[in-house]
Amino acid sequence: MDRTDSDFGQRDGSGNEVSTTEARQGVTGTGTRYVLHIGLALAVIALAIIYFVMMR
């Protein structure tokens, strides 16, 4: 069940019910691209080191 657009709603203090997405009031997932790029770079470096050590 996806809870991001549920009908349960959250209260914002004004008496109006707002959806979960509206209640969040922020952007999520912005650091994901950095984690993926850094992880990929580290994996390539590790494989290059292993390759050159095994070729000796």
Protein backbone atom coordinates (compact mmCIF):
# COMPACT_ATOMS: atom_id res chain seq x y z
CA MET A 1 0.00 0.00 0.00
CA ASP A 2 1.46 3.35 -1.04
CA ARG A 3 0.95 5.79 1.81
CA THR A 4 2.07 8.93 -0.02
CA ASP A 5 -1.40 9.78 -1.31
CA SER A 6 -3.53 8.16 1.36
CA ASP A 7 -6.94 9.47 2.36
CA PHE A 8 -5.99 9.51 6.04
CA GLY A 9 -4.55 13.02 5.80
CA GLN A 10 -2.55 15.03 8.28
CA ARG A 11 -3.55 18.13 10.20
CA ASP A 12 -1.61 21.34 9.62
CA GLY A 13 -3.03 23.25 12.62
CA SER A 14 -5.53 25.31 10.62
CA GLY A 15 -8.32 22.79 10.90
CA ASN A 16 -7.87 21.67 7.29
CA GLU A 17 -6.79 18.16 6.49
CA VAL A 18 -3.92 17.92 4.03
CA SER A 19 -2.50 14.94 2.22
CA THR A 20 0.73 13.24 3.28
CA THR A 21 2.59 14.81 0.35
CA GLU A 22 1.41 18.31 1.25
CA ALA A 23 2.20 17.76 4.93
CA ARG A 24 5.79 16.76 4.12
CA GLN A 25 6.60 20.24 2.68
CA GLY A 26 9.98 19.22 1.41
CA VAL A 27 11.94 17.52 -1.32
CA THR A 28 13.09 13.97 -0.74
CA GLY A 29 15.79 11.97 -2.44
CA THR A 30 18.16 14.80 -3.40
CA GLY A 31 21.25 13.03 -2.04
CA THR A 32 20.64 9.85 -3.99
CA ARG A 33 22.56 10.96 -7.07
CA TYR A 34 25.66 11.69 -4.98
CA VAL A 35 25.54 8.32 -3.26
CA LEU A 36 25.23 6.55 -6.62
CA HIS A 37 28.08 8.51 -8.21
CA ILE A 38 30.43 8.10 -5.25
CA GLY A 39 29.61 4.38 -4.96
CA LEU A 40 30.21 3.82 -8.67
CA ALA A 41 33.51 5.71 -8.55
CA LEU A 42 34.68 3.70 -5.52
CA ALA A 43 33.70 0.43 -7.21
CA VAL A 44 35.65 1.35 -10.36
CA ILE A 45 38.69 2.34 -8.30
CA ALA A 46 38.50 -0.89 -6.27
CA LEU A 47 38.25 -3.02 -9.42
CA ALA A 48 41.18 -1.15 -11.00
CA ILE A 49 43.31 -1.76 -7.89
CA ILE A 50 42.36 -5.46 -7.84
CA TYR A 51 43.13 -5.76 -11.56
CA PHE A 52 46.59 -4.22 -11.26
CA VAL A 53 47.45 -6.23 -8.12
CA MET A 54 46.44 -9.50 -9.83
CA MET A 55 48.51 -8.68 -12.94
CA ARG A 56 51.75 -8.45 -10.92
